[in-house]
Amino acid sequence: MLYYVPAVIGIFLIGFGVYHGYALQAFIRRCTVRTEGVVEAFVCPPQKGRPLYFPVISYRDRDGKVQRKQYRWGDSQWHIQVGDIVSLQYNPQNYDEFYLYAEQATWRQYANAFCIILGGIIFISAYYRLAM
């Protein structure tokens, strides 16, 4: 009975990795326009646990209007500072959606692949354990 627990954990990790990867790629696919923006500030909303900082970026859209938006993903440490110029991609139908690909931590960029691989290893090892 306990041999099924690792198989369920493996399936959960595979499912999480696939869902996270699909959601991230769908978001990036919607962000089709490339431009540069300036880091205006960092916002740190009150929360429990370690503080997460959300950069506020201003950029010009296709029409030349300045958009000042807060990034949807926070991090405890960024490699950018206020006043830095960053490359970004934004969604022309929804200016709140933009992506700072090069500024994301490396582990966040590959978290979905890691979950899929780890989940596959756990599932296969549980399967072979059950077969014996």
N, C-alpha and C. Protein backbone atom coordinates (compact mmCIF):
# COMPACT_ATOMS: atom_id res chain seq x y z
N MET A 1 0.82 -1.20 0.00
CA MET A 1 0.00 0.00 0.00
C MET A 1 0.86 1.26 0.00
N LEU A 2 1.91 1.26 0.78
CA LEU A 2 2.76 2.44 0.86
C LEU A 2 3.59 2.65 -0.40
N TYR A 3 3.67 1.64 -1.25
CA TYR A 3 4.42 1.80 -2.48
C TYR A 3 3.71 2.75 -3.45
N TYR A 4 2.41 2.93 -3.26
CA TYR A 4 1.66 3.82 -4.15
C TYR A 4 1.90 5.30 -3.84
N VAL A 5 2.35 5.60 -2.63
CA VAL A 5 2.58 7.00 -2.24
C VAL A 5 3.63 7.66 -3.14
N PRO A 6 4.80 7.03 -3.37
CA PRO A 6 5.75 7.68 -4.29
C PRO A 6 5.21 7.82 -5.72
N ALA A 7 4.41 6.86 -6.16
CA ALA A 7 3.83 6.96 -7.51
C ALA A 7 2.89 8.16 -7.59
N VAL A 8 2.10 8.38 -6.55
CA VAL A 8 1.18 9.53 -6.53
C VAL A 8 1.97 10.83 -6.46
N ILE A 9 3.03 10.86 -5.68
CA ILE A 9 3.88 12.05 -5.60
C ILE A 9 4.51 12.33 -6.97
N GLY A 10 4.98 11.29 -7.63
CA GLY A 10 5.56 11.45 -8.97
C GLY A 10 4.55 11.99 -9.96
N ILE A 11 3.33 11.45 -9.93
CA ILE A 11 2.28 11.94 -10.84
C ILE A 11 1.94 13.39 -10.52
N PHE A 12 1.88 13.74 -9.24
CA PHE A 12 1.61 15.12 -8.85
C PHE A 12 2.69 16.06 -9.38
N LEU A 13 3.97 15.68 -9.23
CA LEU A 13 5.06 16.53 -9.71
C LEU A 13 5.03 16.69 -11.23
N ILE A 14 4.74 15.60 -11.92
CA ILE A 14 4.63 15.68 -13.39
C ILE A 14 3.49 16.61 -13.77
N GLY A 15 2.35 16.45 -13.13
CA GLY A 15 1.19 17.30 -13.43
C GLY A 15 1.46 18.77 -13.13
N PHE A 16 2.11 19.04 -11.99
CA PHE A 16 2.45 20.42 -11.64
C PHE A 16 3.41 21.02 -12.65
N GLY A 17 4.42 20.25 -13.04
CA GLY A 17 5.40 20.74 -14.02
C GLY A 17 4.77 21.03 -15.36
N VAL A 18 3.88 20.15 -15.82
CA VAL A 18 3.21 20.36 -17.10
C VAL A 18 2.30 21.58 -17.02
N TYR A 19 1.51 21.70 -15.94
CA TYR A 19 0.61 22.84 -15.80
C TYR A 19 1.37 24.15 -15.73
N HIS A 20 2.40 24.20 -14.89
CA HIS A 20 3.19 25.43 -14.73
C HIS A 20 3.87 25.81 -16.04
N GLY A 21 4.44 24.84 -16.72
CA GLY A 21 5.10 25.12 -18.00
C GLY A 21 4.13 25.60 -19.06
N TYR A 22 2.95 24.98 -19.11
CA TYR A 22 1.95 25.40 -20.10
C TYR A 22 1.45 26.81 -19.80
N ALA A 23 1.16 27.09 -18.53
CA ALA A 23 0.67 28.42 -18.16
C ALA A 23 1.71 29.49 -18.45
N LEU A 24 2.97 29.21 -18.16
CA LEU A 24 4.03 30.18 -18.42
C LEU A 24 4.22 30.41 -19.92
N GLN A 25 4.21 29.34 -20.70
CA GLN A 25 4.37 29.49 -22.15
C GLN A 25 3.17 30.21 -22.77
N ALA A 26 1.97 29.96 -22.28
CA ALA A 26 0.79 30.67 -22.79
C ALA A 26 0.90 32.15 -22.47
N PHE A 27 1.39 32.48 -21.28
CA PHE A 27 1.57 33.88 -20.90
C PHE A 27 2.61 34.55 -21.80
N ILE A 28 3.73 33.87 -22.03
CA ILE A 28 4.79 34.43 -22.88
C ILE A 28 4.30 34.58 -24.32
N ARG A 29 3.50 33.62 -24.79
CA ARG A 29 2.96 33.70 -26.15
C ARG A 29 2.08 34.93 -26.35
N ARG A 30 1.37 35.33 -25.31
CA ARG A 30 0.52 36.53 -25.41
C ARG A 30 1.35 37.81 -25.40
N CYS A 31 2.53 37.77 -24.81
CA CYS A 31 3.40 38.95 -24.73
C CYS A 31 4.26 38.99 -25.99
N THR A 32 3.77 39.65 -27.03
CA THR A 32 4.41 39.57 -28.34
C THR A 32 5.25 40.79 -28.70
N VAL A 33 5.04 41.91 -28.04
CA VAL A 33 5.72 43.14 -28.41
C VAL A 33 6.93 43.34 -27.51
N ARG A 34 8.11 43.50 -28.14
CA ARG A 34 9.34 43.72 -27.38
C ARG A 34 9.62 45.21 -27.28
N THR A 35 10.09 45.62 -26.11
CA THR A 35 10.48 47.01 -25.90
C THR A 35 11.43 47.07 -24.71
N GLU A 36 11.84 48.27 -24.36
CA GLU A 36 12.67 48.46 -23.18
C GLU A 36 11.92 49.34 -22.19
N GLY A 37 12.18 49.11 -20.92
CA GLY A 37 11.54 49.89 -19.87
C GLY A 37 12.56 50.27 -18.81
N VAL A 38 12.12 51.10 -17.89
CA VAL A 38 12.98 51.57 -16.80
C VAL A 38 12.38 51.09 -15.49
N VAL A 39 13.23 50.58 -14.61
CA VAL A 39 12.78 50.16 -13.28
C VAL A 39 12.54 51.43 -12.47
N GLU A 40 11.29 51.67 -12.09
CA GLU A 40 10.92 52.88 -11.35
C GLU A 40 11.05 52.69 -9.84
N ALA A 41 10.63 51.52 -9.35
CA ALA A 41 10.63 51.27 -7.91
C ALA A 41 10.45 49.78 -7.67
N PHE A 42 10.51 49.41 -6.41
CA PHE A 42 10.18 48.06 -5.97
C PHE A 42 9.10 48.17 -4.90
N VAL A 43 8.05 47.38 -5.03
CA VAL A 43 6.96 47.37 -4.07
C VAL A 43 7.08 46.09 -3.25
N CYS A 44 6.95 46.23 -1.93
CA CYS A 44 7.01 45.07 -1.04
C CYS A 44 5.74 45.06 -0.19
N PRO A 45 4.69 44.37 -0.65
CA PRO A 45 3.45 44.34 0.13
C PRO A 45 3.65 43.56 1.43
N PRO A 46 2.94 43.95 2.50
CA PRO A 46 3.08 43.22 3.77
C PRO A 46 2.57 41.79 3.63
N GLN A 47 3.35 40.86 4.14
CA GLN A 47 2.99 39.45 4.07
C GLN A 47 3.79 38.68 5.10
N LYS A 48 3.35 37.47 5.38
CA LYS A 48 4.09 36.61 6.30
C LYS A 48 5.25 35.97 5.56
N GLY A 49 6.29 35.62 6.28
CA GLY A 49 7.43 34.98 5.66
C GLY A 49 8.41 35.99 5.11
N ARG A 50 9.25 35.52 4.21
CA ARG A 50 10.27 36.41 3.64
C ARG A 50 9.63 37.45 2.72
N PRO A 51 10.20 38.63 2.67
CA PRO A 51 9.61 39.67 1.82
C PRO A 51 9.84 39.40 0.34
N LEU A 52 8.83 39.68 -0.46
CA LEU A 52 8.93 39.57 -1.91
C LEU A 52 8.82 40.97 -2.49
N TYR A 53 9.74 41.29 -3.39
CA TYR A 53 9.78 42.60 -4.02
C TYR A 53 9.27 42.49 -5.45
N PHE A 54 8.34 43.37 -5.80
CA PHE A 54 7.75 43.40 -7.13
C PHE A 54 8.22 44.67 -7.83
N PRO A 55 8.98 44.55 -8.92
CA PRO A 55 9.45 45.76 -9.60
C PRO A 55 8.30 46.49 -10.32
N VAL A 56 8.39 47.80 -10.30
CA VAL A 56 7.46 48.65 -11.04
C VAL A 56 8.24 49.17 -12.25
N ILE A 57 7.75 48.86 -13.44
CA ILE A 57 8.44 49.18 -14.68
C ILE A 57 7.61 50.19 -15.48
N SER A 58 8.28 51.18 -16.05
CA SER A 58 7.58 52.08 -16.98
C SER A 58 8.17 51.85 -18.37
N TYR A 59 7.27 51.78 -19.35
CA TYR A 59 7.69 51.56 -20.73
C TYR A 59 6.70 52.24 -21.66
N ARG A 60 7.11 52.44 -22.89
CA ARG A 60 6.23 53.04 -23.90
C ARG A 60 5.61 51.93 -24.75
N ASP A 61 4.29 52.04 -24.95
CA ASP A 61 3.61 51.06 -25.79
C ASP A 61 3.72 51.46 -27.26
N ARG A 62 3.04 50.74 -28.13
CA ARG A 62 3.10 51.00 -29.58
C ARG A 62 2.64 52.41 -29.94
N ASP A 63 1.69 52.93 -29.17
CA ASP A 63 1.14 54.26 -29.45
C ASP A 63 1.98 55.38 -28.85
N GLY A 64 3.04 55.04 -28.15
CA GLY A 64 3.90 56.04 -27.54
C GLY A 64 3.47 56.47 -26.15
N LYS A 65 2.41 55.87 -25.62
CA LYS A 65 1.96 56.21 -24.27
C LYS A 65 2.84 55.49 -23.25
N VAL A 66 3.12 56.18 -22.16
CA VAL A 66 3.93 55.58 -21.10
C VAL A 66 3.03 54.73 -20.22
N GLN A 67 3.42 53.48 -20.05
CA GLN A 67 2.72 52.55 -19.17
C GLN A 67 3.59 52.33 -17.94
N ARG A 68 3.02 52.48 -16.77
CA ARG A 68 3.76 52.25 -15.51
C ARG A 68 3.03 51.11 -14.80
N LYS A 69 3.65 49.94 -14.80
CA LYS A 69 2.98 48.74 -14.31
C LYS A 69 3.86 47.98 -13.32
N GLN A 70 3.18 47.29 -12.39
CA GLN A 70 3.88 46.44 -11.43
C GLN A 70 3.97 45.03 -11.99
N TYR A 71 5.14 44.42 -11.87
CA TYR A 71 5.35 43.06 -12.36
C TYR A 71 4.56 42.09 -11.52
N ARG A 72 4.02 41.05 -12.13
CA ARG A 72 3.13 40.13 -11.42
C ARG A 72 3.88 39.12 -10.55
N TRP A 73 5.16 38.89 -10.81
CA TRP A 73 5.93 37.94 -10.01
C TRP A 73 6.95 38.67 -9.16
N GLY A 74 6.97 38.32 -7.89
CA GLY A 74 7.93 38.93 -6.98
C GLY A 74 9.08 37.99 -6.70
N ASP A 75 10.13 38.53 -6.14
CA ASP A 75 11.30 37.75 -5.78
C ASP A 75 11.94 38.40 -4.56
N SER A 76 12.68 37.62 -3.80
CA SER A 76 13.33 38.17 -2.62
C SER A 76 14.60 38.93 -2.97
N GLN A 77 15.14 38.65 -4.14
CA GLN A 77 16.38 39.32 -4.56
C GLN A 77 16.36 39.47 -6.08
N TRP A 78 16.61 40.68 -6.55
CA TRP A 78 16.65 40.96 -7.98
C TRP A 78 18.05 41.40 -8.36
N HIS A 79 18.41 41.15 -9.61
CA HIS A 79 19.71 41.59 -10.13
C HIS A 79 19.59 42.94 -10.83
N ILE A 80 18.46 43.58 -10.67
CA ILE A 80 18.25 44.90 -11.26
C ILE A 80 18.03 45.90 -10.13
N GLN A 81 18.29 47.16 -10.43
CA GLN A 81 18.12 48.22 -9.44
C GLN A 81 17.24 49.31 -10.03
N VAL A 82 16.77 50.20 -9.17
CA VAL A 82 15.96 51.32 -9.62
C VAL A 82 16.79 52.17 -10.59
N GLY A 83 16.21 52.48 -11.72
CA GLY A 83 16.89 53.27 -12.75
C GLY A 83 17.48 52.44 -13.87
N ASP A 84 17.57 51.13 -13.69
CA ASP A 84 18.12 50.26 -14.74
C ASP A 84 17.14 50.16 -15.92
N ILE A 85 17.71 50.00 -17.10
CA ILE A 85 16.91 49.77 -18.31
C ILE A 85 16.84 48.27 -18.53
N VAL A 86 15.63 47.74 -18.70
CA VAL A 86 15.42 46.31 -18.87
C VAL A 86 14.67 46.04 -20.17
N SER A 87 14.95 44.89 -20.77
CA SER A 87 14.20 44.44 -21.95
C SER A 87 12.97 43.68 -21.47
N LEU A 88 11.87 43.88 -22.14
CA LEU A 88 10.64 43.20 -21.75
C LEU A 88 9.78 42.94 -22.97
N GLN A 89 8.83 42.04 -22.79
CA GLN A 89 7.81 41.76 -23.79
C GLN A 89 6.47 42.00 -23.13
N TYR A 90 5.55 42.68 -23.83
CA TYR A 90 4.24 42.93 -23.25
C TYR A 90 3.12 42.50 -24.19
N ASN A 91 1.95 42.34 -23.59
CA ASN A 91 0.76 41.94 -24.32
C ASN A 91 0.07 43.21 -24.83
N PRO A 92 -0.06 43.39 -26.15
CA PRO A 92 -0.68 44.62 -26.66
C PRO A 92 -2.17 44.75 -26.34
N GLN A 93 -2.84 43.66 -25.98
CA GLN A 93 -4.25 43.73 -25.60
C GLN A 93 -4.43 44.00 -24.10
N ASN A 94 -3.40 43.75 -23.30
CA ASN A 94 -3.49 43.95 -21.85
C ASN A 94 -2.12 44.40 -21.36
N TYR A 95 -1.96 45.68 -21.12
CA TYR A 95 -0.65 46.22 -20.75
C TYR A 95 -0.18 45.78 -19.37
N ASP A 96 -1.07 45.21 -18.56
CA ASP A 96 -0.65 44.69 -17.26
C ASP A 96 0.19 43.43 -17.40
N GLU A 97 0.09 42.75 -18.53
CA GLU A 97 0.85 41.52 -18.76
C GLU A 97 2.14 41.85 -19.50
N PHE A 98 3.26 41.73 -18.79
CA PHE A 98 4.56 41.86 -19.44
C PHE A 98 5.52 40.90 -18.77
N TYR A 99 6.60 40.59 -19.47
CA TYR A 99 7.50 39.53 -19.03
C TYR A 99 8.94 40.00 -19.09
N LEU A 100 9.65 39.84 -17.98
CA LEU A 100 11.07 40.17 -17.88
C LEU A 100 11.86 38.87 -17.88
N TYR A 101 11.98 38.23 -19.02
CA TYR A 101 12.57 36.89 -19.08
C TYR A 101 13.99 36.85 -18.55
N ALA A 102 14.83 37.76 -19.00
CA ALA A 102 16.25 37.71 -18.64
C ALA A 102 16.47 38.04 -17.17
N GLU A 103 15.48 38.64 -16.51
CA GLU A 103 15.66 39.05 -15.13
C GLU A 103 15.17 38.01 -14.13
N GLN A 104 14.50 36.97 -14.59
CA GLN A 104 14.02 35.93 -13.69
C GLN A 104 15.19 35.08 -13.20
N ALA A 105 15.07 34.58 -11.98
CA ALA A 105 16.08 33.67 -11.45
C ALA A 105 16.12 32.40 -12.32
N THR A 106 17.30 31.84 -12.48
CA THR A 106 17.47 30.67 -13.34
C THR A 106 16.61 29.51 -12.88
N TRP A 107 16.52 29.29 -11.57
CA TRP A 107 15.75 28.15 -11.08
C TRP A 107 14.27 28.30 -11.41
N ARG A 108 13.77 29.54 -11.50
CA ARG A 108 12.36 29.73 -11.86
C ARG A 108 12.11 29.44 -13.33
N GLN A 109 13.11 29.66 -14.15
CA GLN A 109 12.94 29.40 -15.57
C GLN A 109 12.88 27.91 -15.87
N TYR A 110 13.52 27.11 -15.03
CA TYR A 110 13.60 25.67 -15.29
C TYR A 110 12.86 24.84 -14.25
N ALA A 111 12.04 25.45 -13.40
CA ALA A 111 11.34 24.73 -12.34
C ALA A 111 10.39 23.69 -12.91
N ASN A 112 9.68 24.03 -13.99
CA ASN A 112 8.73 23.07 -14.55
C ASN A 112 9.43 21.85 -15.12
N ALA A 113 10.53 22.03 -15.83
CA ALA A 113 11.27 20.88 -16.37
C ALA A 113 11.82 20.02 -15.23
N PHE A 114 12.31 20.65 -14.18
CA PHE A 114 12.83 19.91 -13.03
C PHE A 114 11.72 19.07 -12.38
N CYS A 115 10.52 19.65 -12.22
CA CYS A 115 9.41 18.90 -11.63
C CYS A 115 9.01 17.71 -12.49
N ILE A 116 8.99 17.89 -13.79
CA ILE A 116 8.62 16.79 -14.69
C ILE A 116 9.65 15.67 -14.62
N ILE A 117 10.93 16.02 -14.65
CA ILE A 117 11.99 15.01 -14.61
C ILE A 117 11.99 14.30 -13.26
N LEU A 118 11.94 15.06 -12.17
CA LEU A 118 11.95 14.45 -10.84
C LEU A 118 10.71 13.58 -10.64
N GLY A 119 9.55 14.08 -11.07
CA GLY A 119 8.33 13.28 -10.95
C GLY A 119 8.41 12.00 -11.76
N GLY A 120 9.01 12.07 -12.95
CA GLY A 120 9.18 10.87 -13.77
C GLY A 120 10.09 9.85 -13.11
N ILE A 121 11.18 10.33 -12.53
CA ILE A 121 12.11 9.42 -11.84
C ILE A 121 11.42 8.76 -10.65
N ILE A 122 10.69 9.54 -9.86
CA ILE A 122 9.99 8.98 -8.70
C ILE A 122 8.93 7.97 -9.15
N PHE A 123 8.18 8.32 -10.18
CA PHE A 123 7.13 7.42 -10.66
C PHE A 123 7.71 6.12 -11.19
N ILE A 124 8.77 6.21 -12.00
CA ILE A 124 9.38 5.00 -12.57
C ILE A 124 9.98 4.13 -11.47
N SER A 125 10.64 4.75 -10.49
CA SER A 125 11.21 3.94 -9.40
C SER A 125 10.11 3.28 -8.59
N ALA A 126 8.98 3.95 -8.38
CA ALA A 126 7.86 3.33 -7.67
C ALA A 126 7.26 2.21 -8.49
N TYR A 127 7.18 2.38 -9.81
CA TYR A 127 6.64 1.35 -10.68
C TYR A 127 7.51 0.09 -10.63
N TYR A 128 8.82 0.26 -10.72
CA TYR A 128 9.71 -0.90 -10.68
C TYR A 128 9.71 -1.54 -9.30
N ARG A 129 9.51 -0.74 -8.28
CA ARG A 129 9.43 -1.29 -6.92
C ARG A 129 8.18 -2.15 -6.79
N LEU A 130 7.07 -1.71 -7.41
CA LEU A 130 5.83 -2.49 -7.38
C LEU A 130 5.94 -3.76 -8.22
N ALA A 131 6.69 -3.70 -9.31
CA ALA A 131 6.81 -4.85 -10.20
C ALA A 131 7.63 -5.97 -9.59
N MET A 132 8.45 -5.64 -8.61
CA MET A 132 9.31 -6.67 -8.02
C MET A 132 8.64 -7.43 -6.93
